[in-house]
Amino acid sequence: MLDLPEAITACLFDLDGVLTQTAKVHAEAWKQMFDEHLRCRADRSGEPFREFRLPEDYEQYVDGKPRRDGVMSFLRSRGIELALGAPEDPPDAETIYGLGTRKNDLVLELIGKEGVEPYAGSVRFAQRALEQGLRRAVVSSSTNCQDVLIAAGIEHLFEVRIDGLAAEREHLAGKPAPDTFLAGARALHAEPAHAAVFEDALAGVEAGRSGHFGWVVGVDRTGHAEALREHGADVVVQDLDELLERKT
């Protein structure tokens, strides 16, 4: 049995850091991109270089958010204003979209070198949810969501995918707004009160709470359990298979 509230009929899973071990890849790519940009600005202005800090800046400003929002959020924290640009901006463009493109290119390079590993406990949980007839969706801000699921060998476990591409197509606000999770619940024909959200990002936990979902599970991979609770998690686990073992 799964250790879920009885009213839960659907599960909405974040991707990076919940299902797959790609959150650290994203963090590394964000750091490399921002450090390059910040170093160039420091060289031009003569001001001291202040690096992008892991995990603090990653967790506070970019984790779980769409790329554009993450770029804007972090730069705003440093008092930096850049032109928005356009989605087709190249990775060397000094615009919000340009920096986002550069970060995405770095992620794809890292995934190509290192591959994608799923979290075994999360795979066991999703497999058990499938066997017990619970509805299942992946809700991620990543535009590479499908490729990552395929690379990890777990695409078959999920009925619905609400990713960055779907958010752009349907004009859905990114996390911490609940819009993408609400879209996932609709696609599964589940009321929010009957759906559980599984998230490792503070922005994602906030989205689950503000969307009034039936249960919000914080997944603590980096030692920020208390912050997950403060942002709205009903329960915090280190891996999803903890929700299998409690009733076994």
Protein backbone atom coordinates (compact mmCIF):
# COMPACT_ATOMS: atom_id res chain seq x y z
CA MET A 1 0.00 0.00 0.00
CA LEU A 2 0.96 3.62 -0.51
CA ASP A 3 1.01 5.85 2.55
CA LEU A 4 -1.27 8.55 1.12
CA PRO A 5 -4.46 10.15 2.43
CA GLU A 6 -7.51 8.12 1.40
CA ALA A 7 -8.94 10.97 -0.69
CA ILE A 8 -5.92 11.05 -3.03
CA THR A 9 -6.59 9.62 -6.49
CA ALA A 10 -3.89 11.37 -8.53
CA CYS A 11 -0.16 12.06 -8.16
CA LEU A 12 1.59 15.09 -9.67
CA PHE A 13 5.36 14.67 -9.77
CA ASP A 14 8.02 17.28 -10.35
CA LEU A 15 10.85 15.95 -12.53
CA ASP A 16 14.29 17.27 -11.58
CA GLY A 17 15.20 16.26 -8.04
CA VAL A 18 12.05 14.19 -7.50
CA LEU A 19 12.03 11.61 -10.29
CA THR A 20 15.48 12.10 -11.80
CA GLN A 21 18.92 13.02 -10.50
CA THR A 22 19.09 16.07 -12.75
CA ALA A 23 18.63 18.86 -10.20
CA LYS A 24 22.37 18.87 -9.57
CA VAL A 25 22.96 19.12 -13.34
CA HIS A 26 20.66 22.13 -13.53
CA ALA A 27 22.36 23.72 -10.54
CA GLU A 28 25.78 23.24 -12.15
CA ALA A 29 24.55 24.74 -15.43
CA TRP A 30 22.97 27.75 -13.69
CA LYS A 31 26.19 28.38 -11.79
CA GLN A 32 28.41 28.14 -14.86
CA MET A 33 26.17 30.44 -16.89
CA PHE A 34 25.70 33.07 -14.19
CA ASP A 35 29.36 33.04 -13.10
CA GLU A 36 30.47 33.67 -16.68
CA HIS A 37 28.02 36.55 -16.98
CA LEU A 38 28.89 38.04 -13.57
CA ARG A 39 32.62 37.76 -14.23
CA CYS A 40 32.28 39.62 -17.53
CA ARG A 41 30.28 42.38 -15.85
CA ALA A 42 32.87 42.66 -13.08
CA ASP A 43 35.69 42.88 -15.61
CA ARG A 44 33.92 45.67 -17.47
CA SER A 45 32.92 47.67 -14.39
CA GLY A 46 35.89 47.04 -12.12
CA GLU A 47 33.56 45.90 -9.34
CA PRO A 48 34.33 42.75 -7.32
CA PHE A 49 33.15 39.45 -8.77
CA ARG A 50 30.46 37.78 -6.63
CA GLU A 51 29.81 34.22 -7.66
CA PHE A 52 26.46 32.45 -7.96
CA ARG A 53 26.21 30.55 -4.68
CA LEU A 54 25.23 26.91 -4.38
CA PRO A 55 22.89 25.91 -2.94
CA GLU A 56 21.60 29.27 -1.63
CA ASP A 57 21.07 31.21 -4.86
CA TYR A 58 19.88 28.13 -6.73
CA GLU A 59 17.23 27.24 -4.17
CA GLN A 60 16.03 30.79 -3.57
CA TYR A 61 15.93 32.22 -7.07
CA VAL A 62 15.84 29.60 -9.81
CA ASP A 63 14.96 26.09 -8.63
CA GLY A 64 11.65 24.89 -10.03
CA LYS A 65 10.96 28.05 -12.02
CA PRO A 66 10.80 28.50 -15.81
CA ARG A 67 14.20 29.54 -17.20
CA ARG A 68 13.14 33.08 -18.02
CA ASP A 69 11.72 33.62 -14.53
CA GLY A 70 14.81 32.13 -12.92
CA VAL A 71 17.15 34.41 -14.87
CA MET A 72 15.09 37.48 -14.01
CA SER A 73 14.73 36.54 -10.34
CA PHE A 74 18.45 36.06 -9.73
CA LEU A 75 19.56 39.11 -11.71
CA ARG A 76 17.03 41.23 -9.82
CA SER A 77 18.57 40.03 -6.55
CA ARG A 78 21.88 41.50 -7.74
CA GLY A 79 20.32 44.74 -9.01
CA ILE A 80 21.00 43.81 -12.65
CA GLU A 81 18.56 44.83 -15.37
CA LEU A 82 18.77 43.26 -18.83
CA ALA A 83 16.54 43.50 -21.88
CA LEU A 84 14.10 40.61 -22.15
CA GLY A 85 15.02 39.81 -25.74
CA ALA A 86 13.21 37.05 -27.63
CA PRO A 87 12.98 33.24 -27.33
CA GLU A 88 15.15 32.83 -30.44
CA ASP A 89 18.06 34.83 -28.97
CA PRO A 90 21.40 32.99 -29.31
CA PRO A 91 23.32 31.91 -26.19
CA ASP A 92 25.79 34.79 -26.50
CA ALA A 93 23.06 37.47 -26.48
CA GLU A 94 23.15 39.63 -23.34
CA THR A 95 19.41 39.37 -22.78
CA ILE A 96 17.19 37.42 -20.39
CA TYR A 97 16.34 34.93 -23.11
CA GLY A 98 19.95 34.75 -24.27
CA LEU A 99 21.18 33.78 -20.80
CA GLY A 100 18.37 31.23 -20.54
CA THR A 101 19.39 29.72 -23.86
CA ARG A 102 22.99 29.48 -22.69
CA LYS A 103 21.90 27.73 -19.50
CA ASN A 104 19.80 25.24 -21.47
CA ASP A 105 22.70 24.50 -23.83
CA LEU A 106 24.89 23.76 -20.82
CA VAL A 107 22.26 21.43 -19.33
CA LEU A 108 22.02 19.47 -22.57
CA GLU A 109 25.82 19.21 -22.76
CA LEU A 110 26.00 17.89 -19.20
CA ILE A 111 23.17 15.40 -19.74
CA GLY A 112 24.86 14.23 -22.92
CA LYS A 113 28.09 13.59 -21.01
CA GLU A 114 26.65 12.18 -17.78
CA GLY A 115 23.34 10.62 -18.84
CA VAL A 116 20.19 10.62 -16.69
CA GLU A 117 19.65 8.47 -13.62
CA PRO A 118 16.22 8.18 -11.99
CA TYR A 119 15.83 7.93 -8.24
CA ALA A 120 15.15 4.26 -7.55
CA GLY A 121 12.78 5.02 -4.66
CA SER A 122 10.71 7.36 -6.82
CA VAL A 123 10.53 4.75 -9.58
CA ARG A 124 9.26 2.16 -7.08
CA PHE A 125 6.67 4.61 -5.80
CA ALA A 126 5.44 5.55 -9.30
CA GLN A 127 5.28 1.88 -10.31
CA ARG A 128 3.21 1.07 -7.21
CA ALA A 129 0.92 4.04 -7.93
CA LEU A 130 0.35 2.69 -11.44
CA GLU A 131 -0.41 -0.79 -10.08
CA GLN A 132 -2.92 0.63 -7.59
CA GLY A 133 -4.75 2.61 -10.26
CA LEU A 134 -3.74 6.13 -9.21
CA ARG A 135 -3.55 8.70 -11.98
CA ARG A 136 -0.02 10.03 -12.66
CA ALA A 137 1.39 13.18 -14.26
CA VAL A 138 4.79 14.83 -14.49
CA VAL A 139 4.65 18.60 -13.92
CA SER A 140 7.94 20.32 -14.71
CA SER A 141 9.13 23.72 -15.85
CA SER A 142 11.74 22.00 -18.05
CA THR A 143 11.36 22.19 -21.82
CA ASN A 144 13.48 19.01 -22.01
CA CYS A 145 11.09 16.98 -19.86
CA GLN A 146 10.20 14.31 -22.43
CA ASP A 147 13.82 13.75 -23.44
CA VAL A 148 14.84 13.36 -19.78
CA LEU A 149 12.02 10.89 -19.07
CA ILE A 150 13.01 8.82 -22.09
CA ALA A 151 16.71 8.93 -21.21
CA ALA A 152 15.87 7.78 -17.67
CA GLY A 153 13.65 4.96 -19.00
CA ILE A 154 10.58 6.00 -17.01
CA GLU A 155 8.31 7.71 -19.55
CA HIS A 156 5.90 4.75 -19.51
CA LEU A 157 5.01 5.36 -15.85
CA PHE A 158 3.16 8.62 -16.52
CA GLU A 159 -0.04 9.36 -18.39
CA VAL A 160 0.33 13.13 -18.71
CA ARG A 161 3.22 15.55 -19.09
CA ILE A 162 2.81 19.25 -18.31
CA ASP A 163 6.23 20.74 -19.07
CA GLY A 164 7.79 24.04 -20.07
CA LEU A 165 6.62 23.59 -23.65
CA ALA A 166 3.02 23.02 -22.53
CA ALA A 167 3.24 26.03 -20.21
CA GLU A 168 4.36 28.26 -23.08
CA ARG A 169 1.72 26.86 -25.41
CA GLU A 170 -1.11 27.25 -22.89
CA HIS A 171 0.21 30.49 -21.35
CA LEU A 172 0.49 28.97 -17.88
CA ALA A 173 2.30 30.91 -15.18
CA GLY A 174 5.32 29.09 -13.77
CA LYS A 175 5.87 27.95 -10.20
CA PRO A 176 5.36 29.24 -7.50
CA ALA A 177 2.01 29.92 -9.23
CA PRO A 178 -0.09 26.73 -9.13
CA ASP A 179 -1.14 26.90 -12.79
CA THR A 180 0.94 24.00 -14.13
CA PHE A 181 -0.10 21.67 -11.30
CA LEU A 182 -3.73 22.66 -11.81
CA ALA A 183 -3.33 21.86 -15.52
CA GLY A 184 -1.92 18.46 -14.58
CA ALA A 185 -4.87 17.74 -12.32
CA ARG A 186 -7.33 18.78 -15.05
CA ALA A 187 -5.61 16.53 -17.57
CA LEU A 188 -6.05 13.63 -15.15
CA HIS A 189 -9.69 14.60 -14.47
CA ALA A 190 -8.88 15.02 -10.77
CA GLU A 191 -9.95 17.75 -8.40
CA PRO A 192 -7.01 19.49 -6.68
CA ALA A 193 -8.26 18.29 -3.31
CA HIS A 194 -7.85 14.71 -4.55
CA ALA A 195 -4.34 15.19 -5.96
CA ALA A 196 -0.96 14.96 -4.23
CA VAL A 197 2.01 17.11 -5.28
CA PHE A 198 5.56 15.77 -4.99
CA GLU A 199 8.20 18.53 -5.06
CA ASP A 200 11.79 19.19 -4.04
CA ALA A 201 11.83 22.92 -4.90
CA LEU A 202 10.58 25.62 -2.56
CA ALA A 203 8.73 27.27 -5.45
CA GLY A 204 7.04 23.98 -6.27
CA VAL A 205 5.93 23.38 -2.69
CA GLU A 206 4.51 26.91 -2.63
CA ALA A 207 2.62 26.11 -5.83
CA GLY A 208 1.15 22.98 -4.28
CA ARG A 209 0.02 24.87 -1.21
CA SER A 210 -1.47 27.84 -3.09
CA GLY A 211 -3.32 25.48 -5.43
CA HIS A 212 -5.08 23.88 -2.42
CA PHE A 213 -3.99 20.38 -3.34
CA GLY A 214 -4.96 17.53 -1.07
CA TRP A 215 -1.41 16.70 0.00
CA VAL A 216 1.96 18.35 -0.63
CA VAL A 217 5.02 16.16 -0.21
CA GLY A 218 8.39 17.86 0.08
CA VAL A 219 11.33 15.77 -1.15
CA ASP A 220 14.48 16.76 0.70
CA ARG A 221 17.56 15.87 -1.34
CA THR A 222 19.79 18.70 -0.05
CA GLY A 223 19.04 19.09 3.64
CA HIS A 224 16.40 21.82 3.48
CA ALA A 225 13.54 19.94 5.13
CA GLU A 226 12.57 22.80 7.42
CA ALA A 227 12.40 25.26 4.51
CA LEU A 228 10.13 22.84 2.63
CA ARG A 229 7.80 22.69 5.62
CA GLU A 230 7.83 26.47 5.99
CA HIS A 231 6.84 26.85 2.32
CA GLY A 232 3.88 24.50 2.67
CA ALA A 233 4.86 20.83 2.63
CA ASP A 234 2.49 18.61 4.65
CA VAL A 235 5.20 15.99 5.01
CA VAL A 236 8.89 15.84 4.06
CA VAL A 237 10.70 12.68 2.95
CA GLN A 238 14.20 12.04 1.67
CA ASP A 239 12.94 9.64 -1.00
CA LEU A 240 9.50 8.57 -2.13
CA ASP A 241 9.96 4.95 -1.16
CA GLU A 242 9.55 6.11 2.45
CA LEU A 243 5.87 6.35 1.52
CA LEU A 244 5.91 2.65 0.65
CA GLU A 245 7.62 1.42 3.77
CA ARG A 246 5.45 2.99 6.46
CA LYS A 247 2.61 0.51 5.99
CA THR A 248 4.69 -2.55 5.05
